[in-house]
Structure formats: structure tokens, C-alpha cells
């Protein structure tokens, strides 16, 4: 395993561990999701360089587009939940109640 693979794997693992263990605020969960998407984007962007192919790939651009949509949706949910519940603490949200 090269140093580049190890760094992407450790960034993704630390982001997923942050998402699993530090779930007190919605903004911290959204930041962990964004860092996971960023590490996957960088890994997909470096993949043609690692395999030494000359053809450009569309997958990193598509992933970056979905990541931007996910960020916009997450921030909209953050604003809506802060307006209705008064804070962004995840323990205040009751998913069984409308």
C-alpha cells in the first residue's frame, strides 16, 4: 500500500469515526460527511494517475456535483431544524414525531 492510498484511507476512516462518535451537533455530522466525500473525490481524481491511463474520467466531476448537492441539502436541513427546534443538537430531534 502506497503512502497516497494510506492517506486517503486514513482520511476516510477518521471522517467516518468522527461521524460515528461525535454526533452531538448536526453541523459536525455534516462536516464529517463532507470530509468523507472530499477524500473520495481526491482518491477518484488520483486514480487515473495511479493507473497511468491517459483518458480523462468523468466520475470525479460527477461526485463533486453530488457532493455540492448534498452540502446544499444538508445546510437547508440545518437551517430548517434550527428554526423549528431552536438548536442543532441531534438529541433534540424526534424522528417519530412529525
Foldseek 3Di string as FASTA:
>chain_A
DDPLVVVLVVQLVVLVVQLVPVQFFLVSNLVSVLSNLVSVLVCVQCVCVVVVDDDDDCVSVVSVVVSVVSSVVSVVVLVVCCVVQVGGTPVSDDPVDD
